[in-house]
Amino acid sequence: MTDTRTEPRITDEAVARLRRRIGVPVPNPAPPHYREPGVDAFRTVAQAYGDDNPLWSDREHPSRWGGPIAPPPLVGGDTLIGENSVTEVPFEHRTLMKGDPLRGVHAFYASSAREWWAPLEPYAHVYRRDALVGVHDKTSEFAGRAVHEWTGQVFGTRAGRLLSAQYKLMIRTERAKARERRKYAAIEPYVYTDAEIDDIEAQVLASRRRGATPRYWEDVAVGDPIDPLVKGPLTVTDLVCWHVGMGMGLYDIRPLELAVANRRRIPRFYHRDELNVPDVMQRVHWDPEFARRSGNPTTFDYGRMRETWLIHACTNWMGDDAWLWKLDCRFEAFNYVGDTQWVRGEVTGHHRADGRPAVDVALRTVNQRGVATTAGTATILLPSREHGPVVLPDPPGADLPGAMAAIVDRFAR
């Protein structure tokens, strides 16, 4: 039995210190995967999550946007794009920003929220601003005391056009959630019959993309289904292709001699394999033995991967003339290599948002075991026969600092 008296605890002092960090701009720790992304980057990112919509990369494709635009997952997403608009912590905040006030308290990535205000066109130079935006003290029977720690990133072009924002929720818990994961060790890998694989592939091939045919607001009603997507069965190859498009994430993972330099920078992120060779903990996503060390039966995906699947379902359904304004999702269960996910949804709201014709959509992914692994909602702006083409939403500020300040205020309410 673990002696919980020796485990790191959440204290009032630590929470107060964390809250003092809200709104303090910090540089993102890794360089962007794409510094000035063009149509090849747009295509590679979209293909990483299974999307071949010509809107993202075909200059001959008819588009109300005047040419290719970036797929929504590219405009944000950890280290995909954005030079730091703040290259170092302001001098007056350096003492405050040292270390983690909740060091040792378990953290897990629980949910993500995103909003998009304008399209990213090829070869634009993008900047970003990062800050902690919300700290909420919670208690529950399941986890004891917990802190919901929201970080925000805001993106805009060198020309001053605000593009998007992403907010990520890390839940910090007193009880070691990693120990709870041992219950997943009882899950058996799913072995498919030939008939099941044939049926899944038939469903994949039956998926539809609205494309250049407008989906008008007047033609949509509450209760309408979203055209389903089938993703899987998930393979390690899918994960490799994901990284080709999406990069290697916040830890700036590199190969060979570049890996040695990175290991000297962040040694605790590297663990020894059965040959005593140090490798990244991120290996849990492609090495079954590393995954089992974490209490899982085998390797598993990234929450961000399923987030892009929800986005893909939205853009397929809404058509090229519409605009995905907001999306949020919660990661509720693991998606293991070998699992298949059905992405489904339905329209839950039909309204005017700030005067713009809009619909709300409920989304979910469910695996072949019938387990819901992700839940989400989206707000989509649609063209209208009465009101005309989509009018892009207004960003919450005039520039990166102004938008971040408005977002901090929003999270404080």
Protein backbone atom coordinates (compact mmCIF):
# COMPACT_ATOMS: atom_id res chain seq x y z
CA MET A 1 0.00 0.00 0.00
CA THR A 2 1.28 3.46 -0.91
CA ASP A 3 1.87 5.87 1.95
CA THR A 4 -0.04 8.89 0.63
CA ARG A 5 1.46 11.07 3.35
CA THR A 6 4.70 11.13 1.34
CA GLU A 7 3.06 12.03 -1.95
CA PRO A 8 3.09 15.60 -3.28
CA ARG A 9 0.07 17.58 -2.15
CA ILE A 10 -1.85 20.53 -3.53
CA THR A 11 -1.51 23.43 -1.11
CA ASP A 12 -3.21 26.81 -0.90
CA GLU A 13 0.19 28.45 -1.28
CA ALA A 14 0.96 26.51 -4.47
CA VAL A 15 -2.43 27.35 -6.00
CA ALA A 16 -2.01 31.02 -5.12
CA ARG A 17 1.43 31.09 -6.75
CA LEU A 18 0.05 29.40 -9.84
CA ARG A 19 -2.73 31.98 -10.06
CA ARG A 20 -0.20 34.82 -9.91
CA ARG A 21 1.18 33.45 -13.18
CA ILE A 22 -2.09 33.93 -15.07
CA GLY A 23 -1.60 36.17 -18.08
CA VAL A 24 2.22 36.28 -17.82
CA PRO A 25 3.50 35.68 -21.38
CA VAL A 26 6.06 32.90 -21.80
CA PRO A 27 7.93 31.61 -24.86
CA ASN A 28 6.91 28.25 -26.21
CA PRO A 29 9.74 25.81 -25.39
CA ALA A 30 10.08 24.28 -28.88
CA PRO A 31 10.43 25.92 -32.30
CA PRO A 32 7.51 25.65 -34.73
CA HIS A 33 7.39 22.61 -36.99
CA TYR A 34 6.38 24.92 -39.86
CA ARG A 35 7.83 28.43 -39.89
CA GLU A 36 6.11 29.68 -43.07
CA PRO A 37 3.76 26.84 -44.09
CA GLY A 38 2.75 26.56 -47.73
CA VAL A 39 0.38 24.30 -49.61
CA ASP A 40 2.69 21.30 -49.17
CA ALA A 41 2.54 21.76 -45.40
CA PHE A 42 -1.25 22.18 -45.59
CA ARG A 43 -1.53 18.90 -47.53
CA THR A 44 0.86 16.99 -45.25
CA VAL A 45 -0.94 18.06 -42.07
CA ALA A 46 -4.36 17.16 -43.50
CA GLN A 47 -3.12 13.77 -44.68
CA ALA A 48 -1.76 13.08 -41.18
CA TYR A 49 -5.35 12.74 -39.96
CA GLY A 50 -6.74 11.17 -43.14
CA ASP A 51 -8.13 14.24 -44.94
CA ASP A 52 -7.51 14.74 -48.67
CA ASN A 53 -9.84 17.72 -49.19
CA PRO A 54 -8.46 19.71 -52.17
CA LEU A 55 -9.47 22.93 -50.40
CA TRP A 56 -6.27 22.66 -48.39
CA SER A 57 -3.76 22.36 -51.23
CA ASP A 58 -5.18 22.43 -54.78
CA ARG A 59 -4.76 25.86 -56.35
CA GLU A 60 -7.27 24.93 -59.09
CA HIS A 61 -10.00 23.95 -56.63
CA PRO A 62 -12.88 26.50 -56.67
CA SER A 63 -12.98 28.29 -53.33
CA ARG A 64 -14.75 31.31 -51.90
CA TRP A 65 -11.50 31.96 -50.01
CA GLY A 66 -9.61 32.78 -53.21
CA GLY A 67 -7.28 29.78 -53.04
CA PRO A 68 -6.04 27.09 -50.66
CA ILE A 69 -6.29 27.69 -46.93
CA ALA A 70 -4.75 25.78 -44.04
CA PRO A 71 -6.75 22.92 -42.53
CA PRO A 72 -7.99 23.96 -39.08
CA PRO A 73 -5.69 21.62 -37.08
CA LEU A 74 -2.62 23.40 -38.47
CA VAL A 75 -3.68 26.79 -37.11
CA GLY A 76 -2.67 26.07 -33.53
CA GLY A 77 -1.72 22.74 -32.05
CA ASP A 78 1.20 22.91 -29.61
CA THR A 79 4.32 23.39 -31.76
CA LEU A 80 2.94 23.25 -35.29
CA ILE A 81 3.23 26.95 -36.15
CA GLY A 82 4.05 30.29 -34.63
CA GLU A 83 7.27 32.09 -33.81
CA ASN A 84 7.31 33.31 -30.23
CA SER A 85 6.12 36.90 -29.96
CA VAL A 86 7.70 36.89 -26.49
CA THR A 87 11.19 35.38 -26.56
CA GLU A 88 11.84 35.37 -22.81
CA VAL A 89 9.95 35.73 -19.55
CA PRO A 90 9.68 39.41 -18.58
CA PHE A 91 12.40 40.30 -16.05
CA GLU A 92 9.94 41.27 -13.31
CA HIS A 93 8.30 37.81 -13.50
CA ARG A 94 11.35 35.54 -13.65
CA THR A 95 11.33 34.58 -9.98
CA LEU A 96 7.60 33.92 -10.06
CA MET A 97 7.89 31.71 -13.15
CA LYS A 98 10.70 29.46 -11.90
CA GLY A 99 9.76 25.83 -11.31
CA ASP A 100 6.35 24.20 -11.02
CA PRO A 101 4.37 25.17 -7.90
CA LEU A 102 2.68 21.76 -8.12
CA ARG A 103 5.80 19.76 -8.89
CA GLY A 104 5.25 16.05 -8.41
CA VAL A 105 1.45 16.38 -8.46
CA HIS A 106 0.13 14.16 -11.23
CA ALA A 107 -1.02 15.87 -14.42
CA PHE A 108 -3.07 14.56 -17.31
CA TYR A 109 -4.29 16.17 -20.52
CA ALA A 110 -8.08 16.17 -20.13
CA SER A 111 -9.58 18.40 -22.80
CA SER A 112 -8.98 21.00 -25.47
CA ALA A 113 -10.92 23.98 -26.79
CA ARG A 114 -10.21 25.91 -29.96
CA GLU A 115 -11.60 28.80 -31.95
CA TRP A 116 -10.75 30.12 -35.40
CA TRP A 117 -11.29 33.70 -36.59
CA ALA A 118 -9.64 33.91 -40.02
CA PRO A 119 -8.09 31.59 -42.63
CA LEU A 120 -4.36 31.02 -42.81
CA GLU A 121 -3.14 31.48 -46.38
CA PRO A 122 0.03 29.93 -47.80
CA TYR A 123 3.42 31.23 -46.69
CA ALA A 124 2.19 33.67 -44.07
CA HIS A 125 4.61 34.30 -41.22
CA VAL A 126 2.80 33.43 -37.98
CA TYR A 127 3.45 34.56 -34.41
CA ARG A 128 2.05 33.19 -31.17
CA ARG A 129 1.55 34.30 -27.57
CA ASP A 130 1.38 31.73 -24.75
CA ALA A 131 0.22 32.15 -21.17
CA LEU A 132 -1.56 30.45 -18.32
CA VAL A 133 -5.17 31.67 -18.57
CA GLY A 134 -7.11 29.89 -15.82
CA VAL A 135 -6.55 28.05 -12.50
CA HIS A 136 -9.60 26.48 -10.89
CA ASP A 137 -9.42 24.69 -7.53
CA LYS A 138 -11.63 21.57 -7.52
CA THR A 139 -12.44 18.70 -5.19
CA SER A 140 -14.08 15.36 -5.94
CA GLU A 141 -14.57 11.97 -4.36
CA PHE A 142 -12.63 10.41 -7.21
CA ALA A 143 -9.48 12.50 -7.11
CA GLY A 144 -9.53 14.39 -3.81
CA ARG A 145 -8.29 17.90 -4.37
CA ALA A 146 -7.54 18.80 -7.96
CA VAL A 147 -6.52 21.88 -9.91
CA HIS A 148 -7.78 22.57 -13.43
CA GLU A 149 -4.92 24.36 -15.15
CA TRP A 150 -5.81 26.04 -18.46
CA THR A 151 -3.10 27.30 -20.80
CA GLY A 152 -3.81 29.40 -23.86
CA GLN A 153 -2.09 30.08 -27.15
CA VAL A 154 -3.13 32.86 -29.53
CA PHE A 155 -1.95 33.00 -33.16
CA GLY A 156 -1.72 35.84 -35.65
CA THR A 157 0.18 36.84 -38.78
CA ARG A 158 3.05 39.26 -39.07
CA ALA A 159 0.61 41.54 -40.92
CA GLY A 160 -1.50 41.74 -37.74
CA ARG A 161 -4.38 39.41 -38.63
CA LEU A 162 -5.54 37.32 -35.67
CA LEU A 163 -6.10 33.72 -36.70
CA SER A 164 -7.02 31.45 -33.83
CA ALA A 165 -6.64 30.38 -30.23
CA GLN A 166 -6.26 27.06 -28.45
CA TYR A 167 -6.85 26.29 -24.78
CA LYS A 168 -5.63 23.10 -23.11
CA LEU A 169 -6.77 21.69 -19.80
CA MET A 170 -4.32 19.83 -17.59
CA ILE A 171 -5.92 18.33 -14.49
CA ARG A 172 -3.54 18.13 -11.55
CA THR A 173 -4.60 15.54 -8.97
CA GLU A 174 -3.31 14.54 -5.54
CA ARG A 175 -3.92 10.86 -6.05
CA ALA A 176 -1.60 9.22 -8.54
CA LYS A 177 -3.86 8.81 -11.55
CA ALA A 178 -1.22 6.64 -13.20
CA ARG A 179 -2.01 3.93 -10.65
CA GLU A 180 -5.67 4.10 -11.67
CA ARG A 181 -4.62 3.24 -15.21
CA ARG A 182 -3.76 -0.30 -14.10
CA LYS A 183 -7.43 -1.14 -14.50
CA TYR A 184 -6.89 -0.79 -18.26
CA ALA A 185 -4.39 -3.66 -18.19
CA ALA A 186 -7.37 -6.06 -18.20
CA ILE A 187 -8.45 -4.86 -21.65
CA GLU A 188 -7.73 -7.51 -24.26
CA PRO A 189 -6.62 -6.54 -27.77
CA TYR A 190 -9.49 -6.90 -30.22
CA VAL A 191 -8.98 -9.53 -32.94
CA TYR A 192 -11.10 -8.84 -36.03
CA THR A 193 -12.60 -11.34 -38.40
CA ASP A 194 -12.07 -10.90 -42.14
CA ALA A 195 -15.74 -9.97 -42.43
CA GLU A 196 -15.37 -7.23 -39.80
CA ILE A 197 -12.38 -5.71 -41.62
CA ASP A 198 -14.29 -5.82 -44.91
CA ASP A 199 -17.27 -4.09 -43.28
CA ILE A 200 -15.08 -1.38 -41.71
CA GLU A 201 -13.35 -0.69 -45.02
CA ALA A 202 -16.71 -0.47 -46.78
CA GLN A 203 -17.85 2.10 -44.23
CA VAL A 204 -14.62 4.07 -44.68
CA LEU A 205 -15.10 4.17 -48.45
CA ALA A 206 -18.73 5.24 -48.03
CA SER A 207 -17.82 8.43 -46.16
CA ARG A 208 -18.82 11.65 -47.93
CA ARG A 209 -17.33 15.12 -48.19
CA ARG A 210 -19.64 18.06 -48.91
CA GLY A 211 -16.87 19.93 -50.71
CA ALA A 212 -17.75 22.85 -52.97
CA THR A 213 -21.53 22.29 -52.72
CA PRO A 214 -22.78 24.83 -50.12
CA ARG A 215 -24.68 23.57 -47.10
CA TYR A 216 -27.14 26.37 -46.47
CA TRP A 217 -28.27 27.29 -42.98
CA GLU A 218 -31.92 27.16 -44.02
CA ASP A 219 -31.54 23.49 -45.01
CA VAL A 220 -30.32 22.34 -41.57
CA ALA A 221 -32.50 21.43 -38.59
CA VAL A 222 -31.88 20.36 -35.01
CA GLY A 223 -31.51 16.58 -34.92
CA ASP A 224 -29.87 16.28 -38.34
CA PRO A 225 -27.02 13.74 -38.23
CA ILE A 226 -23.44 14.59 -39.10
CA ASP A 227 -22.08 12.32 -41.82
CA PRO A 228 -20.11 9.66 -39.91
CA LEU A 229 -16.39 8.91 -40.25
CA VAL A 230 -14.62 5.65 -39.45
CA LYS A 231 -11.03 5.87 -38.23
CA GLY A 232 -9.09 2.66 -37.89
CA PRO A 233 -8.27 0.05 -36.99
CA LEU A 234 -5.46 2.21 -35.59
CA THR A 235 -1.94 1.09 -36.54
CA VAL A 236 1.57 2.16 -35.59
CA THR A 237 1.90 3.29 -39.20
CA ASP A 238 -0.97 5.74 -38.56
CA LEU A 239 1.04 7.15 -35.64
CA VAL A 240 4.17 7.46 -37.79
CA CYS A 241 2.23 9.31 -40.48
CA TRP A 242 0.69 11.50 -37.78
CA HIS A 243 4.13 12.61 -36.65
CA VAL A 244 5.26 13.29 -40.24
CA GLY A 245 2.56 15.92 -40.50
CA MET A 246 2.27 17.11 -36.91
CA GLY A 247 5.89 17.08 -35.77
CA MET A 248 7.15 15.65 -32.50
CA GLY A 249 5.51 17.96 -29.98
CA LEU A 250 6.53 20.08 -27.03
CA TYR A 251 9.60 18.04 -26.10
CA ASP A 252 11.23 18.77 -29.47
CA ILE A 253 12.15 15.12 -30.04
CA ARG A 254 14.97 14.70 -32.55
CA PRO A 255 16.94 11.74 -33.98
CA LEU A 256 20.55 10.56 -33.55
CA GLU A 257 23.08 13.18 -32.41
CA LEU A 258 20.30 15.75 -32.08
CA ALA A 259 18.61 13.33 -29.66
CA VAL A 260 21.72 13.25 -27.48
CA ALA A 261 21.67 17.03 -27.17
CA ASN A 262 17.96 16.94 -26.36
CA ARG A 263 18.48 14.26 -23.69
CA ARG A 264 21.07 16.47 -21.99
CA ARG A 265 18.47 19.25 -21.99
CA ILE A 266 15.56 17.19 -20.55
CA PRO A 267 17.08 13.99 -19.06
CA ARG A 268 14.00 13.04 -17.01
CA PHE A 269 11.98 12.57 -20.22
CA TYR A 270 14.28 9.71 -21.26
CA HIS A 271 14.03 6.17 -19.87
CA ARG A 272 16.11 3.08 -20.57
CA ASP A 273 14.79 0.28 -22.77
CA GLU A 274 15.57 -3.43 -22.44
CA LEU A 275 18.97 -2.84 -24.10
CA ASN A 276 19.76 -0.04 -21.61
CA VAL A 277 19.43 2.51 -24.40
CA PRO A 278 17.78 5.79 -23.35
CA ASP A 279 14.67 6.72 -25.29
CA VAL A 280 11.79 9.16 -24.92
CA MET A 281 8.77 8.43 -22.73
CA GLN A 282 6.69 9.36 -25.76
CA ARG A 283 7.62 5.86 -26.95
CA VAL A 284 4.52 4.62 -25.07
CA HIS A 285 2.67 5.48 -28.28
CA TRP A 286 4.59 3.00 -30.45
CA ASP A 287 6.35 0.53 -28.11
CA PRO A 288 4.04 -1.97 -26.35
CA GLU A 289 6.54 -2.65 -23.56
CA PHE A 290 6.83 1.05 -22.71
CA ALA A 291 3.03 1.28 -22.81
CA ARG A 292 2.71 -1.61 -20.35
CA ARG A 293 5.07 0.16 -17.97
CA SER A 294 2.52 2.99 -17.88
CA GLY A 295 -0.26 0.57 -16.89
CA ASN A 296 -1.77 0.13 -20.35
CA PRO A 297 -2.17 -3.15 -22.24
CA THR A 298 -0.55 -1.79 -25.41
CA THR A 299 0.29 1.39 -27.31
CA PHE A 300 -2.28 4.16 -27.73
CA ASP A 301 -2.97 7.32 -29.66
CA TYR A 302 -2.78 11.00 -28.75
CA GLY A 303 -5.82 12.95 -27.60
CA ARG A 304 -4.92 15.56 -30.22
CA MET A 305 -5.29 12.91 -32.92
CA ARG A 306 -8.93 12.34 -32.00
CA GLU A 307 -9.42 16.10 -31.83
CA THR A 308 -8.40 16.30 -35.50
CA TRP A 309 -10.89 13.53 -36.30
CA LEU A 310 -13.71 15.61 -34.84
CA ILE A 311 -12.50 18.55 -36.92
CA HIS A 312 -12.41 16.32 -40.00
CA ALA A 313 -16.01 15.22 -39.41
CA CYS A 314 -17.07 18.88 -39.17
CA THR A 315 -15.28 20.09 -42.30
CA ASN A 316 -16.52 17.11 -44.33
CA TRP A 317 -20.12 17.82 -43.33
CA MET A 318 -20.22 21.61 -43.48
CA GLY A 319 -18.66 22.14 -46.93
CA ASP A 320 -15.92 24.45 -48.15
CA ASP A 321 -17.98 27.67 -47.98
CA ALA A 322 -18.71 27.26 -44.24
CA TRP A 323 -16.49 28.18 -41.30
CA LEU A 324 -15.60 26.07 -38.27
CA TRP A 325 -15.65 28.67 -35.50
CA LYS A 326 -15.33 26.74 -32.25
CA LEU A 327 -14.61 23.21 -31.16
CA ASP A 328 -13.99 21.63 -27.78
CA CYS A 329 -13.45 18.02 -26.83
CA ARG A 330 -12.89 15.83 -23.77
CA PHE A 331 -10.73 12.73 -23.81
CA GLU A 332 -12.63 10.09 -21.87
CA ALA A 333 -10.87 6.79 -22.58
CA PHE A 334 -7.82 5.38 -24.34
CA ASN A 335 -7.74 4.56 -28.06
CA TYR A 336 -5.39 1.60 -28.39
CA VAL A 337 -3.53 0.40 -31.46
CA GLY A 338 -5.95 -2.01 -33.11
CA ASP A 339 -9.04 -0.07 -32.04
CA THR A 340 -11.53 1.42 -34.50
CA GLN A 341 -13.34 4.67 -33.78
CA TRP A 342 -16.68 5.74 -35.23
CA VAL A 343 -16.98 9.55 -35.30
CA ARG A 344 -20.63 10.58 -35.16
CA GLY A 345 -22.66 13.64 -34.31
CA GLU A 346 -25.86 15.57 -34.67
CA VAL A 347 -27.05 19.16 -34.87
CA THR A 348 -28.13 20.41 -31.44
CA GLY A 349 -28.68 24.11 -32.11
CA HIS A 350 -29.81 26.33 -35.00
CA HIS A 351 -29.43 30.04 -34.28
CA ARG A 352 -27.80 33.37 -35.07
CA ALA A 353 -24.48 33.88 -33.30
CA ASP A 354 -23.65 37.58 -33.17
CA GLY A 355 -26.00 37.88 -36.15
CA ARG A 356 -24.26 35.13 -38.08
CA PRO A 357 -26.21 32.02 -39.20
CA ALA A 358 -24.80 29.22 -37.06
CA VAL A 359 -25.38 25.66 -35.89
CA ASP A 360 -24.15 23.80 -32.84
CA VAL A 361 -23.07 20.19 -33.18
CA ALA A 362 -22.53 17.42 -30.61
CA LEU A 363 -19.73 15.01 -31.51
CA ARG A 364 -18.36 11.76 -30.12
CA THR A 365 -16.05 8.87 -30.95
CA VAL A 366 -17.04 5.33 -29.98
CA ASN A 367 -14.85 2.26 -30.40
CA GLN A 368 -15.63 -1.30 -31.49
CA ARG A 369 -16.23 -2.25 -27.84
CA GLY A 370 -19.01 0.37 -27.62
CA VAL A 371 -16.91 2.60 -25.35
CA ALA A 372 -17.14 6.38 -25.85
CA THR A 373 -13.56 7.67 -25.97
CA THR A 374 -14.08 11.35 -26.86
CA ALA A 375 -16.94 13.83 -26.58
CA GLY A 376 -17.06 17.25 -28.12
CA THR A 377 -19.11 20.18 -29.37
CA ALA A 378 -18.64 22.56 -32.26
CA THR A 379 -20.13 25.81 -33.55
CA ILE A 380 -20.17 26.15 -37.33
CA LEU A 381 -21.05 29.23 -39.39
CA LEU A 382 -23.00 28.34 -42.55
CA PRO A 383 -23.79 30.31 -45.69
CA SER A 384 -27.40 31.46 -45.94
CA ARG A 385 -29.73 32.07 -48.82
CA GLU A 386 -31.25 35.01 -46.94
CA HIS A 387 -28.21 36.42 -45.16
CA GLY A 388 -25.50 35.67 -47.71
CA PRO A 389 -21.99 34.18 -47.40
CA VAL A 390 -20.35 33.45 -44.09
CA VAL A 391 -19.04 36.48 -42.23
CA LEU A 392 -15.94 35.55 -40.24
CA PRO A 393 -16.17 35.88 -36.45
CA ASP A 394 -14.60 38.79 -34.61
CA PRO A 395 -11.48 37.98 -32.55
CA PRO A 396 -11.57 39.02 -28.89
CA GLY A 397 -8.89 41.69 -29.29
CA ALA A 398 -7.02 43.85 -31.80
CA ASP A 399 -3.64 42.10 -31.44
CA LEU A 400 -2.00 39.16 -29.67
CA PRO A 401 -1.67 40.87 -26.24
CA GLY A 402 -5.22 42.22 -26.43
CA ALA A 403 -6.68 38.86 -27.42
CA MET A 404 -4.80 37.08 -24.62
CA ALA A 405 -6.01 39.63 -22.05
CA ALA A 406 -9.61 39.12 -23.18
CA ILE A 407 -9.22 35.35 -22.93
CA VAL A 408 -7.80 35.60 -19.39
CA ASP A 409 -10.81 37.70 -18.45
CA ARG A 410 -13.13 35.10 -19.98
CA PHE A 411 -11.59 32.27 -17.94
CA ALA A 412 -11.81 34.33 -14.75
CA ARG A 413 -15.62 34.53 -14.97
